Amino acid sequence: MANNKVEGSDTQTPALSPEDFFRQLRALRDQLPELQTLPQTVKGNRLGHANPEFVQASLNATSASTPVQTALGRTDEDVRQEIAVADRWSAVAGELRAMLQLVVVANTMRRKRIGLAALQTFNICQNLARDPAHESLVPHVEEMQRLNRFGRKRSRKAQPQPEPEIKAKPQA
């Protein structure tokens, strides 16, 4: 198990197992505000991409008029606070995307190491199986040959050859 150094600290923290990481993610998800009140589908996707200048102009109008605040059911300060919270959560979303990318890359590297170990095992077994002392490896080698996708050329479907055109002889 690898150790990770905590930023700004001299102590080592043990790396999380995938199961522990998953449990912590679930625990964090359960603590997210507004998660329980989200609709099943979010319609009107364009609303989430309003022009910031338009939003600022609407805030100015809200702050200039009490009847607008009454009709809206919110003050301009309420909306400003929500904007600040949304900006902070955008930073969280960016960090989660970066973390997801790191997890995907790390898992891809693990799978590549596994594939390399499997190919090396296959090559070692092939060489050993040539020796009668290791004939018990022959069925394993045959099974690996059957399942191996590396280095095998894909068979192409026979493509019909175009029939040659018969040219009419010029009449004399």
C-alpha atoms as a PDB file:
ATOM      1  CA  MET A   1       0.000   0.000   0.000  1.00  0.00           C
ATOM      2  CA  ALA A   2       1.432   3.361  -1.031  1.00  0.00           C
ATOM      3  CA  ASN A   3       1.652   6.302   1.318  1.00  0.00           C
ATOM      4  CA  ASN A   4       0.734   9.819   0.339  1.00  0.00           C
ATOM      5  CA  LYS A   5       2.262  12.835   2.021  1.00  0.00           C
ATOM      6  CA  VAL A   6      -0.322  15.304   3.285  1.00  0.00           C
ATOM      7  CA  GLU A   7       0.310  18.721   1.755  1.00  0.00           C
ATOM      8  CA  GLY A   8       2.072  21.015   4.214  1.00  0.00           C
ATOM      9  CA  SER A   9       2.725  18.192   6.646  1.00  0.00           C
ATOM     10  CA  ASP A  10       5.535  15.794   7.458  1.00  0.00           C
ATOM     11  CA  THR A  11       3.150  12.929   8.201  1.00  0.00           C
ATOM     12  CA  GLN A  12       2.293  10.089   5.859  1.00  0.00           C
ATOM     13  CA  THR A  13      -1.319   9.071   5.296  1.00  0.00           C
ATOM     14  CA  PRO A  14      -2.145   5.637   3.985  1.00  0.00           C
ATOM     15  CA  ALA A  15      -3.652   5.522   0.513  1.00  0.00           C
ATOM     16  CA  LEU A  16      -7.335   4.691   0.424  1.00  0.00           C
ATOM     17  CA  SER A  17      -8.535   1.393  -0.945  1.00  0.00           C
ATOM     18  CA  PRO A  18     -11.095   1.678  -3.757  1.00  0.00           C
ATOM     19  CA  GLU A  19     -13.800   0.512  -1.350  1.00  0.00           C
ATOM     20  CA  ASP A  20     -12.871   3.118   1.279  1.00  0.00           C
ATOM     21  CA  PHE A  21     -12.737   5.852  -1.354  1.00  0.00           C
ATOM     22  CA  PHE A  22     -16.147   4.784  -2.662  1.00  0.00           C
ATOM     23  CA  ARG A  23     -17.638   4.868   0.865  1.00  0.00           C
ATOM     24  CA  GLN A  24     -16.221   8.347   1.449  1.00  0.00           C
ATOM     25  CA  LEU A  25     -17.629   9.566  -1.881  1.00  0.00           C
ATOM     26  CA  ARG A  26     -21.056   8.212  -0.957  1.00  0.00           C
ATOM     27  CA  ALA A  27     -20.839   9.867   2.460  1.00  0.00           C
ATOM     28  CA  LEU A  28     -19.938  13.183   0.810  1.00  0.00           C
ATOM     29  CA  ARG A  29     -22.747  12.790  -1.718  1.00  0.00           C
ATOM     30  CA  ASP A  30     -25.243  12.250   1.092  1.00  0.00           C
ATOM     31  CA  GLN A  31     -24.123  15.560   2.641  1.00  0.00           C
ATOM     32  CA  LEU A  32     -24.558  17.643  -0.526  1.00  0.00           C
ATOM     33  CA  PRO A  33     -27.090  20.431  -0.083  1.00  0.00           C
ATOM     34  CA  GLU A  34     -30.134  20.462  -2.358  1.00  0.00           C
ATOM     35  CA  LEU A  35     -29.444  16.943  -3.627  1.00  0.00           C
ATOM     36  CA  GLN A  36     -32.696  15.631  -2.201  1.00  0.00           C
ATOM     37  CA  THR A  37     -34.721  18.456  -3.796  1.00  0.00           C
ATOM     38  CA  LEU A  38     -33.324  18.119  -7.328  1.00  0.00           C
ATOM     39  CA  PRO A  39     -35.905  17.281  -9.985  1.00  0.00           C
ATOM     40  CA  GLN A  40     -35.507  14.028 -11.913  1.00  0.00           C
ATOM     41  CA  THR A  41     -34.753  15.948 -15.098  1.00  0.00           C
ATOM     42  CA  VAL A  42     -33.589  19.504 -15.409  1.00  0.00           C
ATOM     43  CA  LYS A  43     -35.436  21.187 -18.251  1.00  0.00           C
ATOM     44  CA  GLY A  44     -34.581  24.552 -19.674  1.00  0.00           C
ATOM     45  CA  ASN A  45     -30.838  23.907 -19.758  1.00  0.00           C
ATOM     46  CA  ARG A  46     -30.259  27.359 -21.274  1.00  0.00           C
ATOM     47  CA  LEU A  47     -31.311  28.969 -18.001  1.00  0.00           C
ATOM     48  CA  GLY A  48     -28.098  27.725 -16.389  1.00  0.00           C
ATOM     49  CA  HIS A  49     -26.042  29.574 -18.977  1.00  0.00           C
ATOM     50  CA  ALA A  50     -27.463  33.073 -18.680  1.00  0.00           C
ATOM     51  CA  ASN A  51     -25.192  35.882 -19.820  1.00  0.00           C
ATOM     52  CA  PRO A  52     -23.413  37.226 -16.703  1.00  0.00           C
ATOM     53  CA  GLU A  53     -24.028  40.806 -17.861  1.00  0.00           C
ATOM     54  CA  PHE A  54     -27.749  40.040 -18.163  1.00  0.00           C
ATOM     55  CA  VAL A  55     -27.711  38.570 -14.653  1.00  0.00           C
ATOM     56  CA  GLN A  56     -25.938  41.690 -13.333  1.00  0.00           C
ATOM     57  CA  ALA A  57     -28.473  43.951 -15.053  1.00  0.00           C
ATOM     58  CA  SER A  58     -31.317  41.965 -13.477  1.00  0.00           C
ATOM     59  CA  LEU A  59     -29.645  42.329 -10.051  1.00  0.00           C
ATOM     60  CA  ASN A  60     -29.417  46.076 -10.573  1.00  0.00           C
ATOM     61  CA  ALA A  61     -33.115  46.202 -11.450  1.00  0.00           C
ATOM     62  CA  THR A  62     -34.018  44.055  -8.437  1.00  0.00           C
ATOM     63  CA  SER A  63     -32.069  46.260  -6.050  1.00  0.00           C
ATOM     64  CA  ALA A  64     -33.656  49.409  -7.532  1.00  0.00           C
ATOM     65  CA  SER A  65     -37.255  48.293  -7.008  1.00  0.00           C
ATOM     66  CA  THR A  66     -39.030  46.928  -3.963  1.00  0.00           C
ATOM     67  CA  PRO A  67     -42.031  45.787  -6.085  1.00  0.00           C
ATOM     68  CA  VAL A  68     -39.619  43.692  -8.219  1.00  0.00           C
ATOM     69  CA  GLN A  69     -38.221  42.102  -5.068  1.00  0.00           C
ATOM     70  CA  THR A  70     -41.748  41.429  -3.831  1.00  0.00           C
ATOM     71  CA  ALA A  71     -42.821  39.879  -7.142  1.00  0.00           C
ATOM     72  CA  LEU A  72     -39.613  37.821  -7.307  1.00  0.00           C
ATOM     73  CA  GLY A  73     -39.906  36.771  -3.696  1.00  0.00           C
ATOM     74  CA  ARG A  74     -36.202  37.466  -3.207  1.00  0.00           C
ATOM     75  CA  THR A  75     -33.917  40.400  -2.646  1.00  0.00           C
ATOM     76  CA  ASP A  76     -30.943  41.218  -4.810  1.00  0.00           C
ATOM     77  CA  GLU A  77     -28.726  40.184  -1.893  1.00  0.00           C
ATOM     78  CA  ASP A  78     -30.348  36.704  -1.868  1.00  0.00           C
ATOM     79  CA  VAL A  79     -29.514  36.288  -5.551  1.00  0.00           C
ATOM     80  CA  ARG A  80     -25.966  37.627  -5.058  1.00  0.00           C
ATOM     81  CA  GLN A  81     -25.385  35.051  -2.307  1.00  0.00           C
ATOM     82  CA  GLU A  82     -26.687  32.301  -4.568  1.00  0.00           C
ATOM     83  CA  ILE A  83     -24.311  33.437  -7.313  1.00  0.00           C
ATOM     84  CA  ALA A  84     -21.395  33.277  -4.869  1.00  0.00           C
ATOM     85  CA  VAL A  85     -22.395  29.776  -3.746  1.00  0.00           C
ATOM     86  CA  ALA A  86     -22.784  28.629  -7.377  1.00  0.00           C
ATOM     87  CA  ASP A  87     -19.295  29.949  -8.163  1.00  0.00           C
ATOM     88  CA  ARG A  88     -17.829  28.063  -5.203  1.00  0.00           C
ATOM     89  CA  TRP A  89     -19.585  24.850  -6.259  1.00  0.00           C
ATOM     90  CA  SER A  90     -18.235  25.354  -9.805  1.00  0.00           C
ATOM     91  CA  ALA A  91     -14.756  25.109  -8.323  1.00  0.00           C
ATOM     92  CA  VAL A  92     -15.784  21.845  -6.623  1.00  0.00           C
ATOM     93  CA  ALA A  93     -17.135  20.505  -9.920  1.00  0.00           C
ATOM     94  CA  GLY A  94     -13.853  21.357 -11.652  1.00  0.00           C
ATOM     95  CA  GLU A  95     -11.860  19.598  -8.970  1.00  0.00           C
ATOM     96  CA  LEU A  96     -14.115  16.530  -9.207  1.00  0.00           C
ATOM     97  CA  ARG A  97     -13.644  16.419 -13.002  1.00  0.00           C
ATOM     98  CA  ALA A  98      -9.869  16.595 -12.511  1.00  0.00           C
ATOM     99  CA  MET A  99     -10.013  13.865  -9.861  1.00  0.00           C
ATOM    100  CA  LEU A 100     -12.144  11.668 -12.123  1.00  0.00           C
ATOM    101  CA  GLN A 101      -9.618  12.090 -14.930  1.00  0.00           C
ATOM    102  CA  LEU A 102      -6.787  11.078 -12.581  1.00  0.00           C
ATOM    103  CA  VAL A 103      -8.702   7.987 -11.434  1.00  0.00           C
ATOM    104  CA  VAL A 104      -9.430   6.983 -15.040  1.00  0.00           C
ATOM    105  CA  VAL A 105      -5.777   7.431 -16.083  1.00  0.00           C
ATOM    106  CA  ALA A 106      -4.492   5.533 -13.034  1.00  0.00           C
ATOM    107  CA  ASN A 107      -6.873   2.659 -13.695  1.00  0.00           C
ATOM    108  CA  THR A 108      -5.871   2.569 -17.362  1.00  0.00           C
ATOM    109  CA  MET A 109      -2.228   2.289 -16.285  1.00  0.00           C
ATOM    110  CA  ARG A 110      -3.154  -0.562 -13.909  1.00  0.00           C
ATOM    111  CA  ARG A 111      -4.922  -2.394 -16.741  1.00  0.00           C
ATOM    112  CA  LYS A 112      -1.884  -1.905 -19.000  1.00  0.00           C
ATOM    113  CA  ARG A 113       0.388  -3.390 -16.325  1.00  0.00           C
ATOM    114  CA  ILE A 114      -2.023  -6.321 -15.976  1.00  0.00           C
ATOM    115  CA  GLY A 115      -2.035  -6.843 -19.748  1.00  0.00           C
ATOM    116  CA  LEU A 116       1.761  -6.717 -19.852  1.00  0.00           C
ATOM    117  CA  ALA A 117       1.995  -9.273 -17.031  1.00  0.00           C
ATOM    118  CA  ALA A 118      -0.433 -11.549 -18.902  1.00  0.00           C
ATOM    119  CA  LEU A 119       1.593 -11.308 -22.137  1.00  0.00           C
ATOM    120  CA  GLN A 120       4.833 -11.934 -20.281  1.00  0.00           C
ATOM    121  CA  THR A 121       3.254 -14.948 -18.579  1.00  0.00           C
ATOM    122  CA  PHE A 122       2.119 -16.243 -21.966  1.00  0.00           C
ATOM    123  CA  ASN A 123       5.608 -15.877 -23.459  1.00  0.00           C
ATOM    124  CA  ILE A 124       7.253 -17.544 -20.464  1.00  0.00           C
ATOM    125  CA  CYS A 125       4.765 -20.405 -20.549  1.00  0.00           C
ATOM    126  CA  GLN A 126       5.243 -20.857 -24.308  1.00  0.00           C
ATOM    127  CA  ASN A 127       8.981 -21.188 -23.831  1.00  0.00           C
ATOM    128  CA  LEU A 128       8.688 -23.519 -20.841  1.00  0.00           C
ATOM    129  CA  ALA A 129       6.047 -25.702 -22.529  1.00  0.00           C
ATOM    130  CA  ARG A 130       8.608 -26.690 -25.177  1.00  0.00           C
ATOM    131  CA  ASP A 131      10.475 -28.598 -22.481  1.00  0.00           C
ATOM    132  CA  PRO A 132       8.885 -32.011 -21.669  1.00  0.00           C
ATOM    133  CA  ALA A 133       9.479 -31.277 -17.981  1.00  0.00           C
ATOM    134  CA  HIS A 134       6.823 -28.542 -18.216  1.00  0.00           C
ATOM    135  CA  GLU A 135       4.308 -30.293 -20.451  1.00  0.00           C
ATOM    136  CA  SER A 136       1.580 -29.526 -17.898  1.00  0.00           C
ATOM    137  CA  LEU A 137       1.693 -25.955 -19.246  1.00  0.00           C
ATOM    138  CA  VAL A 138       0.675 -27.011 -22.780  1.00  0.00           C
ATOM    139  CA  PRO A 139      -3.117 -26.847 -22.171  1.00  0.00           C
ATOM    140  CA  HIS A 140      -2.677 -23.454 -20.506  1.00  0.00           C
ATOM    141  CA  VAL A 141      -0.656 -22.168 -23.465  1.00  0.00           C
ATOM    142  CA  GLU A 142      -3.276 -23.473 -25.893  1.00  0.00           C
ATOM    143  CA  GLU A 143      -6.040 -21.747 -23.932  1.00  0.00           C
ATOM    144  CA  MET A 144      -4.062 -18.490 -23.807  1.00  0.00           C
ATOM    145  CA  GLN A 145      -3.425 -18.755 -27.576  1.00  0.00           C
ATOM    146  CA  ARG A 146      -7.125 -19.193 -28.169  1.00  0.00           C
ATOM    147  CA  LEU A 147      -8.000 -16.169 -26.015  1.00  0.00           C
ATOM    148  CA  ASN A 148      -5.093 -13.894 -26.980  1.00  0.00           C
ATOM    149  CA  ARG A 149      -6.186 -10.880 -28.992  1.00  0.00           C
ATOM    150  CA  PHE A 150      -2.749  -9.300 -29.138  1.00  0.00           C
ATOM    151  CA  GLY A 151      -0.672  -9.852 -32.226  1.00  0.00           C
ATOM    152  CA  ARG A 152      -3.488 -11.611 -34.040  1.00  0.00           C
ATOM    153  CA  LYS A 153      -4.431 -10.145 -37.353  1.00  0.00           C
ATOM    154  CA  ARG A 154      -8.087  -9.540 -37.770  1.00  0.00           C
ATOM    155  CA  SER A 155      -9.638 -11.545 -40.531  1.00  0.00           C
ATOM    156  CA  ARG A 156     -11.185  -9.320 -43.086  1.00  0.00           C
ATOM    157  CA  LYS A 157     -14.482 -10.221 -44.606  1.00  0.00           C
ATOM    158  CA  ALA A 158     -14.093 -11.234 -48.198  1.00  0.00           C
ATOM    159  CA  GLN A 159     -15.107  -8.272 -50.250  1.00  0.00           C
ATOM    160  CA  PRO A 160     -16.732  -9.074 -53.560  1.00  0.00           C
ATOM    161  CA  GLN A 161     -14.462  -8.237 -56.438  1.00  0.00           C
ATOM    162  CA  PRO A 162     -16.025  -5.934 -58.994  1.00  0.00           C
ATOM    163  CA  GLU A 163     -16.814  -7.734 -62.174  1.00  0.00           C
ATOM    164  CA  PRO A 164     -14.702  -6.589 -65.092  1.00  0.00           C
ATOM    165  CA  GLU A 165     -16.578  -4.525 -67.583  1.00  0.00           C
ATOM    166  CA  ILE A 166     -17.007  -6.107 -70.971  1.00  0.00           C
ATOM    167  CA  LYS A 167     -16.298  -3.571 -73.575  1.00  0.00           C
ATOM    168  CA  ALA A 168     -18.141  -3.913 -76.819  1.00  0.00           C
ATOM    169  CA  LYS A 169     -15.939  -4.309 -79.845  1.00  0.00           C
ATOM    170  CA  PRO A 170     -16.243  -1.439 -82.227  1.00  0.00           C
ATOM    171  CA  GLN A 171     -18.138  -2.461 -85.301  1.00  0.00           C
ATOM    172  CA  ALA A 172     -16.353  -2.038 -88.558  1.00  0.00           C
END
